[in-house]
Amino acid sequence: MLAGAAAAEAMLQDGAAGQEVTKYEADVRSSWVWDELTRVRNFKPAWHAGMWPGLSYGGFSLMLARGKEPWTFRWSKKDSEYTKPAGDCEKIDYPKPDGVVSFDLLENLARSGVNHEHDQPAHLKVKEDHKRVPLEVSLPVYDGPEGRFCPAKVYEYVPDEEREGSMKLQINAQNCVHCKCCSIKTPQEFINWTVPEGGGGPQYAAM
């Protein structure tokens, strides 16, 4: 809402076309949103020390200090840089969904009511300067993690019909539930996530 209000205000001003909407950041910083973010800023970074230290510090921060600590823990790397190469990890053998407690990804996707108009431009694209990353880095080094962390089966490595013996990254943008994990977790952040046209996306009935 704050972003929409700031953008609308900028569009109504003469000579504002192409200018950065700096008022948005100022509005966020002066709202309850910033107060909540400030209060929990140290919770997740504290888990770098392990589960028990993370839980202990989290309890202290949220219940006692209430985010008023005079320090702020910092991240040393991006989320995408914490992913380990596949060769350093033990392969997980996931049991098949039982239809009672666990379900197939596409079955769960249907429950989200996700919808993107079929004729709209794809809102998920590989960045132009990262075209080589999916097949030269993500798949051979990390075993294509985007094919597993995506909750909607948006990313799939499939055989390339035009190049025998080769694979290609297939992006099923119409399945996207807008979790935005791909924009921060793919190796080298090779996905450009943009806002889809027409407000398309998940339509959760309970929200």
N, C-alpha and C. Protein backbone atom coordinates (compact mmCIF):
# COMPACT_ATOMS: atom_id res chain seq x y z
N MET A 1 0.83 -1.20 0.00
CA MET A 1 0.00 0.00 0.00
C MET A 1 0.87 1.26 0.00
N LEU A 2 1.95 1.23 0.79
CA LEU A 2 2.83 2.38 0.84
C LEU A 2 3.52 2.59 -0.51
N ALA A 3 3.91 1.50 -1.15
CA ALA A 3 4.56 1.60 -2.45
C ALA A 3 3.59 2.16 -3.49
N GLY A 4 2.34 1.66 -3.47
CA GLY A 4 1.35 2.14 -4.42
C GLY A 4 1.05 3.62 -4.23
N ALA A 5 0.91 4.04 -2.97
CA ALA A 5 0.62 5.44 -2.68
C ALA A 5 1.78 6.34 -3.12
N ALA A 6 3.02 5.91 -2.85
CA ALA A 6 4.18 6.72 -3.24
C ALA A 6 4.31 6.80 -4.75
N ALA A 7 4.05 5.68 -5.44
CA ALA A 7 4.14 5.67 -6.91
C ALA A 7 3.06 6.55 -7.53
N ALA A 8 1.84 6.45 -6.99
CA ALA A 8 0.75 7.27 -7.53
C ALA A 8 1.04 8.75 -7.34
N GLU A 9 1.55 9.10 -6.18
CA GLU A 9 1.88 10.50 -5.90
C GLU A 9 2.95 11.01 -6.85
N ALA A 10 3.96 10.15 -7.12
CA ALA A 10 5.04 10.54 -8.03
C ALA A 10 4.53 10.72 -9.45
N MET A 11 3.61 9.86 -9.86
CA MET A 11 3.08 9.94 -11.23
C MET A 11 2.24 11.20 -11.44
N LEU A 12 1.64 11.70 -10.37
CA LEU A 12 0.80 12.90 -10.48
C LEU A 12 1.61 14.18 -10.48
N GLN A 13 2.90 14.08 -10.17
CA GLN A 13 3.76 15.26 -10.14
C GLN A 13 4.37 15.50 -11.52
N ASP A 14 4.43 16.72 -11.93
CA ASP A 14 5.05 17.05 -13.22
C ASP A 14 6.55 16.81 -13.16
N GLY A 15 7.08 16.22 -14.22
CA GLY A 15 8.52 16.01 -14.30
C GLY A 15 9.04 14.87 -13.46
N ALA A 16 8.13 14.00 -12.97
CA ALA A 16 8.57 12.90 -12.12
C ALA A 16 8.86 11.63 -12.90
N ALA A 17 8.56 11.62 -14.19
CA ALA A 17 8.76 10.42 -15.00
C ALA A 17 10.23 9.99 -14.99
N GLY A 18 10.45 8.72 -14.72
CA GLY A 18 11.81 8.18 -14.74
C GLY A 18 12.61 8.45 -13.49
N GLN A 19 12.01 9.11 -12.51
CA GLN A 19 12.72 9.42 -11.27
C GLN A 19 12.52 8.31 -10.24
N GLU A 20 13.51 8.09 -9.40
CA GLU A 20 13.38 7.10 -8.32
C GLU A 20 12.41 7.62 -7.26
N VAL A 21 11.51 6.75 -6.82
CA VAL A 21 10.50 7.15 -5.83
C VAL A 21 11.12 7.00 -4.44
N THR A 22 11.89 7.98 -4.02
CA THR A 22 12.58 7.90 -2.73
C THR A 22 11.62 8.05 -1.56
N LYS A 23 10.45 8.63 -1.80
CA LYS A 23 9.48 8.83 -0.72
C LYS A 23 9.02 7.49 -0.15
N TYR A 24 9.04 6.45 -0.98
CA TYR A 24 8.60 5.13 -0.52
C TYR A 24 9.43 4.65 0.67
N GLU A 25 10.76 4.75 0.55
CA GLU A 25 11.62 4.30 1.65
C GLU A 25 11.37 5.13 2.90
N ALA A 26 11.21 6.44 2.73
CA ALA A 26 10.95 7.31 3.88
C ALA A 26 9.63 6.94 4.54
N ASP A 27 8.62 6.61 3.74
CA ASP A 27 7.31 6.23 4.29
C ASP A 27 7.40 4.91 5.06
N VAL A 28 8.17 3.95 4.52
CA VAL A 28 8.33 2.67 5.20
C VAL A 28 9.04 2.87 6.54
N ARG A 29 10.10 3.67 6.54
CA ARG A 29 10.87 3.89 7.76
C ARG A 29 10.06 4.58 8.85
N SER A 30 9.05 5.33 8.47
CA SER A 30 8.23 6.04 9.46
C SER A 30 6.94 5.29 9.80
N SER A 31 6.81 4.05 9.32
CA SER A 31 5.58 3.27 9.55
C SER A 31 5.80 2.15 10.58
N TRP A 32 4.72 1.49 10.95
CA TRP A 32 4.79 0.36 11.87
C TRP A 32 5.58 -0.81 11.26
N VAL A 33 5.66 -0.85 9.93
CA VAL A 33 6.40 -1.93 9.26
C VAL A 33 7.87 -1.89 9.70
N TRP A 34 8.45 -0.70 9.70
CA TRP A 34 9.86 -0.57 10.08
C TRP A 34 10.08 -0.92 11.54
N ASP A 35 9.12 -0.55 12.38
CA ASP A 35 9.22 -0.87 13.81
C ASP A 35 9.28 -2.39 14.01
N GLU A 36 8.43 -3.12 13.28
CA GLU A 36 8.42 -4.58 13.41
C GLU A 36 9.70 -5.20 12.87
N LEU A 37 10.18 -4.71 11.74
CA LEU A 37 11.41 -5.24 11.16
C LEU A 37 12.61 -4.98 12.07
N THR A 38 12.64 -3.82 12.67
CA THR A 38 13.74 -3.47 13.58
C THR A 38 13.73 -4.38 14.80
N ARG A 39 12.54 -4.70 15.28
CA ARG A 39 12.40 -5.51 16.49
C ARG A 39 12.95 -6.92 16.28
N VAL A 40 12.81 -7.47 15.07
CA VAL A 40 13.22 -8.86 14.83
C VAL A 40 14.52 -8.96 14.02
N ARG A 41 15.24 -7.87 13.84
CA ARG A 41 16.39 -7.84 12.93
C ARG A 41 17.49 -8.82 13.29
N ASN A 42 17.63 -9.14 14.58
CA ASN A 42 18.73 -10.00 15.01
C ASN A 42 18.34 -11.47 15.15
N PHE A 43 17.07 -11.79 14.97
CA PHE A 43 16.61 -13.16 15.25
C PHE A 43 17.26 -14.18 14.32
N LYS A 44 17.12 -14.00 13.03
CA LYS A 44 17.65 -15.00 12.09
C LYS A 44 19.18 -15.06 12.08
N PRO A 45 19.89 -13.91 12.06
CA PRO A 45 21.36 -13.99 12.06
C PRO A 45 21.93 -14.72 13.27
N ALA A 46 21.20 -14.71 14.39
CA ALA A 46 21.70 -15.38 15.60
C ALA A 46 21.82 -16.88 15.40
N TRP A 47 21.11 -17.43 14.42
CA TRP A 47 21.14 -18.87 14.18
C TRP A 47 22.44 -19.33 13.53
N HIS A 48 23.29 -18.40 13.15
CA HIS A 48 24.60 -18.78 12.61
C HIS A 48 25.39 -19.57 13.65
N ALA A 49 25.12 -19.31 14.91
CA ALA A 49 25.84 -19.99 15.99
C ALA A 49 25.28 -21.38 16.27
N GLY A 50 24.18 -21.77 15.61
CA GLY A 50 23.56 -23.07 15.84
C GLY A 50 22.14 -22.93 16.35
N MET A 51 21.44 -24.08 16.43
CA MET A 51 20.03 -24.05 16.80
C MET A 51 19.80 -23.55 18.23
N TRP A 52 20.50 -24.13 19.19
CA TRP A 52 20.25 -23.76 20.58
C TRP A 52 20.67 -22.33 20.89
N PRO A 53 21.85 -21.89 20.45
CA PRO A 53 22.18 -20.47 20.64
C PRO A 53 21.19 -19.55 19.94
N GLY A 54 20.75 -19.96 18.76
CA GLY A 54 19.78 -19.16 18.02
C GLY A 54 18.46 -19.04 18.75
N LEU A 55 17.97 -20.17 19.28
CA LEU A 55 16.71 -20.15 20.04
C LEU A 55 16.86 -19.31 21.32
N SER A 56 17.98 -19.48 21.99
CA SER A 56 18.20 -18.75 23.24
C SER A 56 18.26 -17.25 23.00
N TYR A 57 19.04 -16.85 22.00
CA TYR A 57 19.14 -15.42 21.72
C TYR A 57 17.81 -14.88 21.22
N GLY A 58 17.13 -15.68 20.38
CA GLY A 58 15.84 -15.24 19.85
C GLY A 58 14.84 -14.97 20.97
N GLY A 59 14.81 -15.86 21.96
CA GLY A 59 13.91 -15.66 23.10
C GLY A 59 14.26 -14.40 23.87
N PHE A 60 15.56 -14.20 24.10
CA PHE A 60 16.01 -13.00 24.80
C PHE A 60 15.63 -11.73 24.03
N SER A 61 15.88 -11.76 22.72
CA SER A 61 15.66 -10.58 21.90
C SER A 61 14.17 -10.22 21.79
N LEU A 62 13.34 -11.24 21.55
CA LEU A 62 11.92 -10.97 21.32
C LEU A 62 11.13 -10.73 22.59
N MET A 63 11.48 -11.42 23.67
CA MET A 63 10.68 -11.31 24.90
C MET A 63 11.23 -10.34 25.93
N LEU A 64 12.55 -10.17 25.96
CA LEU A 64 13.14 -9.29 26.97
C LEU A 64 13.62 -7.96 26.37
N ALA A 65 14.56 -8.05 25.43
CA ALA A 65 15.10 -6.82 24.84
C ALA A 65 14.11 -6.17 23.88
N ARG A 66 13.21 -6.99 23.30
CA ARG A 66 12.21 -6.50 22.33
C ARG A 66 12.85 -5.69 21.19
N GLY A 67 14.02 -6.18 20.75
CA GLY A 67 14.68 -5.57 19.61
C GLY A 67 15.40 -4.27 19.89
N LYS A 68 15.55 -3.92 21.17
CA LYS A 68 16.20 -2.64 21.51
C LYS A 68 17.69 -2.79 21.79
N GLU A 69 18.25 -3.95 21.38
CA GLU A 69 19.69 -4.13 21.55
C GLU A 69 20.44 -3.01 20.81
N PRO A 70 21.53 -2.52 21.37
CA PRO A 70 22.28 -1.44 20.70
C PRO A 70 23.19 -1.95 19.59
N TRP A 71 23.02 -3.20 19.18
CA TRP A 71 23.83 -3.76 18.11
C TRP A 71 22.92 -4.44 17.09
N THR A 72 23.47 -4.65 15.91
CA THR A 72 22.75 -5.34 14.84
C THR A 72 23.69 -6.35 14.20
N PHE A 73 23.28 -7.62 14.21
CA PHE A 73 24.10 -8.65 13.57
C PHE A 73 24.04 -8.47 12.05
N ARG A 74 25.16 -8.71 11.40
CA ARG A 74 25.22 -8.53 9.95
C ARG A 74 25.47 -9.86 9.25
N TRP A 75 24.95 -9.97 8.03
CA TRP A 75 25.24 -11.13 7.20
C TRP A 75 26.55 -10.90 6.47
N SER A 76 27.35 -11.94 6.37
CA SER A 76 28.64 -11.80 5.68
C SER A 76 28.53 -12.18 4.21
N LYS A 77 27.47 -12.92 3.84
CA LYS A 77 27.30 -13.35 2.45
C LYS A 77 25.82 -13.25 2.05
N LYS A 78 25.56 -13.32 0.76
CA LYS A 78 24.20 -13.36 0.25
C LYS A 78 23.62 -14.75 0.49
N ASP A 79 22.30 -14.89 0.48
CA ASP A 79 21.66 -16.19 0.65
C ASP A 79 22.15 -17.19 -0.39
N SER A 80 22.31 -16.74 -1.63
CA SER A 80 22.73 -17.65 -2.70
C SER A 80 24.13 -18.19 -2.48
N GLU A 81 24.94 -17.48 -1.72
CA GLU A 81 26.33 -17.89 -1.50
C GLU A 81 26.48 -18.93 -0.40
N TYR A 82 25.40 -19.21 0.33
CA TYR A 82 25.45 -20.21 1.38
C TYR A 82 25.14 -21.62 0.85
N THR A 83 24.67 -21.72 -0.39
CA THR A 83 24.36 -23.02 -0.96
C THR A 83 25.65 -23.82 -1.20
N LYS A 84 25.67 -25.05 -0.72
CA LYS A 84 26.86 -25.88 -0.87
C LYS A 84 26.81 -26.63 -2.21
N PRO A 85 27.96 -26.91 -2.80
CA PRO A 85 27.99 -27.72 -4.01
C PRO A 85 27.39 -29.10 -3.74
N ALA A 86 26.75 -29.66 -4.74
CA ALA A 86 26.08 -30.96 -4.57
C ALA A 86 27.06 -32.03 -4.11
N GLY A 87 28.31 -31.94 -4.56
CA GLY A 87 29.30 -32.94 -4.19
C GLY A 87 29.64 -32.95 -2.71
N ASP A 88 29.32 -31.85 -2.00
CA ASP A 88 29.60 -31.77 -0.57
C ASP A 88 28.41 -32.19 0.28
N CYS A 89 27.34 -32.60 -0.36
CA CYS A 89 26.10 -32.93 0.36
C CYS A 89 25.68 -34.37 0.13
N GLU A 90 24.99 -34.91 1.11
CA GLU A 90 24.45 -36.26 0.98
C GLU A 90 23.10 -36.18 0.28
N LYS A 91 22.91 -36.97 -0.74
CA LYS A 91 21.66 -36.94 -1.51
C LYS A 91 20.51 -37.44 -0.63
N ILE A 92 19.41 -36.71 -0.63
CA ILE A 92 18.25 -37.06 0.20
C ILE A 92 17.27 -37.89 -0.62
N ASP A 93 16.88 -38.99 -0.08
CA ASP A 93 15.90 -39.86 -0.75
C ASP A 93 14.52 -39.58 -0.15
N TYR A 94 13.77 -38.71 -0.79
CA TYR A 94 12.47 -38.33 -0.26
C TYR A 94 11.43 -39.41 -0.55
N PRO A 95 10.62 -39.78 0.44
CA PRO A 95 9.56 -40.75 0.17
C PRO A 95 8.47 -40.12 -0.71
N LYS A 96 7.78 -40.96 -1.45
CA LYS A 96 6.71 -40.44 -2.31
C LYS A 96 5.57 -39.90 -1.45
N PRO A 97 4.87 -38.85 -1.92
CA PRO A 97 3.74 -38.31 -1.16
C PRO A 97 2.68 -39.38 -0.91
N ASP A 98 2.14 -39.40 0.32
CA ASP A 98 1.16 -40.43 0.65
C ASP A 98 -0.28 -39.96 0.45
N GLY A 99 -0.49 -38.70 0.10
CA GLY A 99 -1.84 -38.21 -0.12
C GLY A 99 -2.63 -37.97 1.15
N VAL A 100 -2.00 -38.15 2.29
CA VAL A 100 -2.67 -37.93 3.58
C VAL A 100 -1.97 -36.81 4.35
N VAL A 101 -0.68 -37.01 4.57
CA VAL A 101 0.11 -36.00 5.28
C VAL A 101 0.95 -35.19 4.28
N SER A 102 1.48 -35.87 3.29
CA SER A 102 2.30 -35.21 2.28
C SER A 102 1.62 -35.32 0.92
N PHE A 103 1.86 -34.29 0.08
CA PHE A 103 1.18 -34.25 -1.21
C PHE A 103 2.13 -33.85 -2.33
N ASP A 104 1.77 -34.20 -3.53
CA ASP A 104 2.54 -33.85 -4.70
C ASP A 104 2.55 -32.33 -4.88
N LEU A 105 3.65 -31.79 -5.40
CA LEU A 105 3.76 -30.35 -5.58
C LEU A 105 2.61 -29.78 -6.41
N LEU A 106 2.31 -30.41 -7.52
CA LEU A 106 1.27 -29.89 -8.40
C LEU A 106 -0.11 -29.99 -7.76
N GLU A 107 -0.32 -30.98 -6.89
CA GLU A 107 -1.59 -31.10 -6.18
C GLU A 107 -1.75 -29.94 -5.20
N ASN A 108 -0.67 -29.62 -4.52
CA ASN A 108 -0.70 -28.47 -3.62
C ASN A 108 -0.84 -27.16 -4.39
N LEU A 109 -0.22 -27.10 -5.57
CA LEU A 109 -0.30 -25.91 -6.39
C LEU A 109 -1.74 -25.60 -6.77
N ALA A 110 -2.51 -26.64 -7.06
CA ALA A 110 -3.92 -26.44 -7.43
C ALA A 110 -4.69 -25.76 -6.30
N ARG A 111 -4.32 -26.06 -5.06
CA ARG A 111 -5.00 -25.46 -3.91
C ARG A 111 -4.72 -23.96 -3.77
N SER A 112 -3.62 -23.51 -4.37
CA SER A 112 -3.27 -22.09 -4.26
C SER A 112 -4.13 -21.22 -5.17
N GLY A 113 -4.79 -21.85 -6.15
CA GLY A 113 -5.60 -21.08 -7.08
C GLY A 113 -4.78 -20.16 -7.95
N VAL A 114 -3.51 -20.51 -8.16
CA VAL A 114 -2.62 -19.62 -8.92
C VAL A 114 -3.12 -19.43 -10.34
N ASN A 115 -3.01 -18.20 -10.82
CA ASN A 115 -3.47 -17.90 -12.18
C ASN A 115 -2.66 -16.76 -12.78
N HIS A 116 -2.09 -17.01 -13.95
CA HIS A 116 -1.43 -15.97 -14.73
C HIS A 116 -2.03 -16.06 -16.13
N GLU A 117 -2.48 -14.96 -16.65
CA GLU A 117 -3.05 -14.97 -18.00
C GLU A 117 -2.03 -15.54 -18.99
N HIS A 118 -2.49 -16.46 -19.83
CA HIS A 118 -1.58 -17.20 -20.70
C HIS A 118 -0.88 -16.32 -21.73
N ASP A 119 -1.45 -15.15 -22.06
CA ASP A 119 -0.87 -14.32 -23.11
C ASP A 119 0.00 -13.19 -22.55
N GLN A 120 0.22 -13.16 -21.23
CA GLN A 120 1.04 -12.10 -20.67
C GLN A 120 2.52 -12.48 -20.74
N PRO A 121 3.42 -11.50 -20.81
CA PRO A 121 4.86 -11.81 -20.85
C PRO A 121 5.27 -12.53 -19.57
N ALA A 122 6.20 -13.48 -19.69
CA ALA A 122 6.68 -14.21 -18.52
C ALA A 122 7.35 -13.24 -17.56
N HIS A 123 7.02 -13.34 -16.28
CA HIS A 123 7.61 -12.43 -15.30
C HIS A 123 8.88 -13.00 -14.67
N LEU A 124 9.28 -14.18 -15.09
CA LEU A 124 10.50 -14.82 -14.61
C LEU A 124 11.43 -15.06 -15.80
N LYS A 125 12.59 -14.44 -15.78
CA LYS A 125 13.52 -14.60 -16.88
C LYS A 125 14.95 -14.73 -16.36
N VAL A 126 15.78 -15.43 -17.12
CA VAL A 126 17.20 -15.50 -16.79
C VAL A 126 17.82 -14.17 -17.19
N LYS A 127 18.58 -13.57 -16.29
CA LYS A 127 19.22 -12.29 -16.58
C LYS A 127 20.13 -12.43 -17.80
N GLU A 128 20.13 -11.41 -18.63
CA GLU A 128 20.89 -11.44 -19.87
C GLU A 128 22.37 -11.75 -19.63
N ASP A 129 22.95 -11.16 -18.60
CA ASP A 129 24.38 -11.37 -18.36
C ASP A 129 24.66 -12.62 -17.52
N HIS A 130 23.59 -13.44 -17.29
CA HIS A 130 23.76 -14.69 -16.54
C HIS A 130 23.26 -15.90 -17.33
N LYS A 131 23.18 -15.76 -18.65
CA LYS A 131 22.61 -16.81 -19.49
C LYS A 131 23.33 -18.15 -19.34
N ARG A 132 24.63 -18.12 -19.05
CA ARG A 132 25.41 -19.35 -18.97
C ARG A 132 25.27 -20.06 -17.62
N VAL A 133 24.80 -19.33 -16.60
CA VAL A 133 24.80 -19.86 -15.24
C VAL A 133 23.96 -21.13 -15.05
N PRO A 134 22.73 -21.21 -15.56
CA PRO A 134 21.94 -22.43 -15.32
C PRO A 134 22.65 -23.72 -15.74
N LEU A 135 23.19 -23.76 -16.97
CA LEU A 135 23.78 -25.00 -17.48
C LEU A 135 25.27 -25.15 -17.17
N GLU A 136 25.96 -24.05 -16.88
CA GLU A 136 27.40 -24.13 -16.62
C GLU A 136 27.74 -24.09 -15.13
N VAL A 137 26.81 -23.60 -14.31
CA VAL A 137 27.09 -23.48 -12.87
C VAL A 137 26.04 -24.20 -12.03
N SER A 138 24.78 -23.80 -12.17
CA SER A 138 23.73 -24.33 -11.30
C SER A 138 23.55 -25.84 -11.42
N LEU A 139 23.41 -26.33 -12.64
CA LEU A 139 23.17 -27.76 -12.83
C LEU A 139 24.40 -28.63 -12.54
N PRO A 140 25.56 -28.34 -13.13
CA PRO A 140 26.72 -29.23 -12.87
C PRO A 140 27.31 -29.11 -11.48
N VAL A 141 27.29 -27.93 -10.87
CA VAL A 141 27.93 -27.74 -9.57
C VAL A 141 26.96 -27.97 -8.42
N TYR A 142 25.74 -27.44 -8.54
CA TYR A 142 24.78 -27.49 -7.43
C TYR A 142 23.60 -28.44 -7.68
N ASP A 143 23.61 -29.14 -8.82
CA ASP A 143 22.55 -30.08 -9.19
C ASP A 143 21.19 -29.38 -9.32
N GLY A 144 21.21 -28.16 -9.82
CA GLY A 144 19.97 -27.44 -10.10
C GLY A 144 19.05 -27.28 -8.91
N PRO A 145 19.49 -26.60 -7.83
CA PRO A 145 18.66 -26.49 -6.62
C PRO A 145 17.32 -25.82 -6.84
N GLU A 146 17.21 -24.94 -7.86
CA GLU A 146 15.93 -24.26 -8.10
C GLU A 146 14.83 -25.25 -8.48
N GLY A 147 15.21 -26.42 -8.95
CA GLY A 147 14.22 -27.44 -9.27
C GLY A 147 13.66 -28.12 -8.04
N ARG A 148 14.30 -27.87 -6.86
CA ARG A 148 13.83 -28.49 -5.61
C ARG A 148 13.29 -27.48 -4.61
N PHE A 149 13.91 -26.29 -4.52
CA PHE A 149 13.40 -25.37 -3.51
C PHE A 149 12.13 -24.65 -3.96
N CYS A 150 11.86 -24.62 -5.24
CA CYS A 150 10.63 -23.97 -5.71
C CYS A 150 9.41 -24.80 -5.30
N PRO A 151 8.43 -24.22 -4.61
CA PRO A 151 7.26 -24.97 -4.15
C PRO A 151 6.20 -25.19 -5.23
N ALA A 152 6.46 -24.69 -6.44
CA ALA A 152 5.42 -24.76 -7.47
C ALA A 152 5.90 -25.40 -8.78
N LYS A 153 7.04 -26.03 -8.76
CA LYS A 153 7.61 -26.70 -9.94
C LYS A 153 7.73 -25.72 -11.13
N VAL A 154 8.20 -24.53 -10.82
CA VAL A 154 8.41 -23.54 -11.87
C VAL A 154 9.66 -23.86 -12.68
N TYR A 155 10.68 -24.38 -12.00
CA TYR A 155 11.97 -24.62 -12.67
C TYR A 155 12.22 -26.12 -12.85
N GLU A 156 12.45 -26.50 -14.11
CA GLU A 156 12.72 -27.91 -14.42
C GLU A 156 13.86 -27.99 -15.44
N TYR A 157 14.78 -28.90 -15.19
CA TYR A 157 15.81 -29.18 -16.18
C TYR A 157 15.34 -30.38 -17.00
N VAL A 158 15.14 -30.16 -18.29
CA VAL A 158 14.59 -31.18 -19.17
C VAL A 158 15.52 -31.36 -20.37
N PRO A 159 15.42 -32.52 -21.08
CA PRO A 159 16.26 -32.73 -22.27
C PRO A 159 15.99 -31.65 -23.31
N ASP A 160 17.07 -31.18 -23.93
CA ASP A 160 16.96 -30.18 -24.98
C ASP A 160 16.74 -30.88 -26.32
N GLU A 161 15.56 -30.70 -26.91
CA GLU A 161 15.23 -31.38 -28.16
C GLU A 161 16.12 -30.94 -29.32
N GLU A 162 16.65 -29.72 -29.23
CA GLU A 162 17.46 -29.20 -30.32
C GLU A 162 18.93 -29.60 -30.22
N ARG A 163 19.35 -30.07 -29.04
CA ARG A 163 20.75 -30.47 -28.84
C ARG A 163 20.77 -31.82 -28.15
N GLU A 164 21.01 -32.85 -28.89
CA GLU A 164 20.99 -34.21 -28.37
C GLU A 164 22.02 -34.38 -27.25
N GLY A 165 21.56 -35.00 -26.16
CA GLY A 165 22.44 -35.24 -25.03
C GLY A 165 22.61 -34.05 -24.11
N SER A 166 21.93 -32.94 -24.39
CA SER A 166 22.04 -31.75 -23.57
C SER A 166 20.75 -31.49 -22.80
N MET A 167 20.85 -30.69 -21.78
CA MET A 167 19.68 -30.30 -20.98
C MET A 167 19.41 -28.81 -21.17
N LYS A 168 18.23 -28.39 -20.79
CA LYS A 168 17.89 -26.97 -20.81
C LYS A 168 17.01 -26.66 -19.60
N LEU A 169 17.02 -25.41 -19.20
CA LEU A 169 16.18 -24.98 -18.08
C LEU A 169 14.83 -24.54 -18.63
N GLN A 170 13.79 -25.20 -18.16
CA GLN A 170 12.42 -24.85 -18.56
C GLN A 170 11.77 -24.08 -17.41
N ILE A 171 11.26 -22.88 -17.69
CA ILE A 171 10.64 -22.04 -16.67
C ILE A 171 9.13 -22.02 -16.89
N ASN A 172 8.40 -22.62 -15.95
CA ASN A 172 6.94 -22.65 -16.01
C ASN A 172 6.40 -21.48 -15.19
N ALA A 173 6.52 -20.27 -15.74
CA ALA A 173 6.18 -19.06 -14.99
C ALA A 173 4.72 -19.01 -14.57
N GLN A 174 3.86 -19.72 -15.29
CA GLN A 174 2.44 -19.70 -14.96
C GLN A 174 2.14 -20.38 -13.63
N ASN A 175 3.10 -21.19 -13.13
CA ASN A 175 2.90 -21.89 -11.84
C ASN A 175 3.31 -21.05 -10.64
N CYS A 176 3.99 -19.93 -10.86
CA CYS A 176 4.63 -19.18 -9.80
C CYS A 176 3.65 -18.72 -8.72
N VAL A 177 4.00 -18.98 -7.45
CA VAL A 177 3.18 -18.54 -6.31
C VAL A 177 3.81 -17.34 -5.61
N HIS A 178 4.79 -16.72 -6.26
CA HIS A 178 5.38 -15.45 -5.82
C HIS A 178 6.08 -15.54 -4.47
N CYS A 179 6.74 -16.66 -4.21
CA CYS A 179 7.52 -16.75 -2.97
C CYS A 179 8.82 -15.96 -3.09
N LYS A 180 9.28 -15.72 -4.33
CA LYS A 180 10.48 -14.95 -4.66
C LYS A 180 11.77 -15.61 -4.18
N CYS A 181 11.71 -16.88 -3.81
CA CYS A 181 12.93 -17.57 -3.40
C CYS A 181 13.96 -17.58 -4.53
N CYS A 182 13.48 -17.76 -5.77
CA CYS A 182 14.39 -17.87 -6.90
C CYS A 182 15.22 -16.61 -7.11
N SER A 183 14.68 -15.45 -6.76
CA SER A 183 15.41 -14.21 -7.01
C SER A 183 16.57 -14.00 -6.04
N ILE A 184 16.60 -14.75 -4.93
CA ILE A 184 17.69 -14.59 -3.97
C ILE A 184 18.50 -15.86 -3.73
N LYS A 185 17.98 -17.01 -4.15
CA LYS A 185 18.64 -18.27 -3.80
C LYS A 185 19.27 -19.01 -4.98
N THR A 186 18.89 -18.69 -6.21
CA THR A 186 19.54 -19.36 -7.34
C THR A 186 21.02 -18.96 -7.37
N PRO A 187 21.91 -19.88 -7.79
CA PRO A 187 23.34 -19.55 -7.86
C PRO A 187 23.57 -18.26 -8.64
N GLN A 188 24.31 -17.35 -8.04
CA GLN A 188 24.62 -16.05 -8.63
C GLN A 188 23.37 -15.21 -8.89
N GLU A 189 22.26 -15.58 -8.29
CA GLU A 189 20.99 -14.85 -8.42
C GLU A 189 20.66 -14.60 -9.89
N PHE A 190 20.62 -15.69 -10.68
CA PHE A 190 20.49 -15.53 -12.13
C PHE A 190 19.07 -15.25 -12.61
N ILE A 191 18.07 -15.29 -11.73
CA ILE A 191 16.69 -15.05 -12.15
C ILE A 191 16.28 -13.59 -11.90
N ASN A 192 15.67 -12.99 -12.90
CA ASN A 192 15.11 -11.64 -12.77
C ASN A 192 13.60 -11.79 -12.55
N TRP A 193 13.16 -11.50 -11.32
CA TRP A 193 11.74 -11.62 -10.95
C TRP A 193 11.10 -10.24 -11.08
N THR A 194 10.09 -10.12 -11.94
CA THR A 194 9.40 -8.85 -12.11
C THR A 194 7.92 -9.03 -11.76
N VAL A 195 7.23 -7.96 -11.54
CA VAL A 195 5.82 -8.03 -11.17
C VAL A 195 5.00 -8.46 -12.40
N PRO A 196 4.17 -9.51 -12.28
CA PRO A 196 3.36 -9.96 -13.42
C PRO A 196 2.24 -8.97 -13.74
N GLU A 197 1.77 -9.02 -14.95
CA GLU A 197 0.68 -8.15 -15.36
C GLU A 197 -0.64 -8.56 -14.71
N GLY A 198 -1.50 -7.59 -14.53
CA GLY A 198 -2.89 -7.89 -14.15
C GLY A 198 -3.10 -8.46 -12.75
N GLY A 199 -2.10 -8.37 -11.88
CA GLY A 199 -2.29 -8.88 -10.53
C GLY A 199 -2.38 -10.40 -10.48
N GLY A 200 -1.84 -11.09 -11.47
CA GLY A 200 -1.88 -12.55 -11.48
C GLY A 200 -1.05 -13.15 -10.38
N GLY A 201 -1.34 -14.41 -10.05
CA GLY A 201 -0.61 -15.09 -8.99
C GLY A 201 -1.52 -15.97 -8.18
N PRO A 202 -1.09 -16.37 -6.99
CA PRO A 202 -1.92 -17.24 -6.13
C PRO A 202 -3.16 -16.51 -5.63
N GLN A 203 -4.25 -17.24 -5.53
CA GLN A 203 -5.51 -16.67 -5.04
C GLN A 203 -5.99 -17.51 -3.87
N TYR A 204 -5.26 -17.45 -2.76
CA TYR A 204 -5.61 -18.28 -1.61
C TYR A 204 -6.98 -17.86 -1.04
N ALA A 205 -7.87 -18.81 -0.93
CA ALA A 205 -9.24 -18.50 -0.51
C ALA A 205 -9.33 -17.97 0.90
N ALA A 206 -8.38 -18.36 1.76
CA ALA A 206 -8.45 -17.97 3.17
C ALA A 206 -7.77 -16.64 3.44
N MET A 207 -7.22 -15.99 2.40
CA MET A 207 -6.48 -14.75 2.63
C MET A 207 -7.31 -13.55 2.17
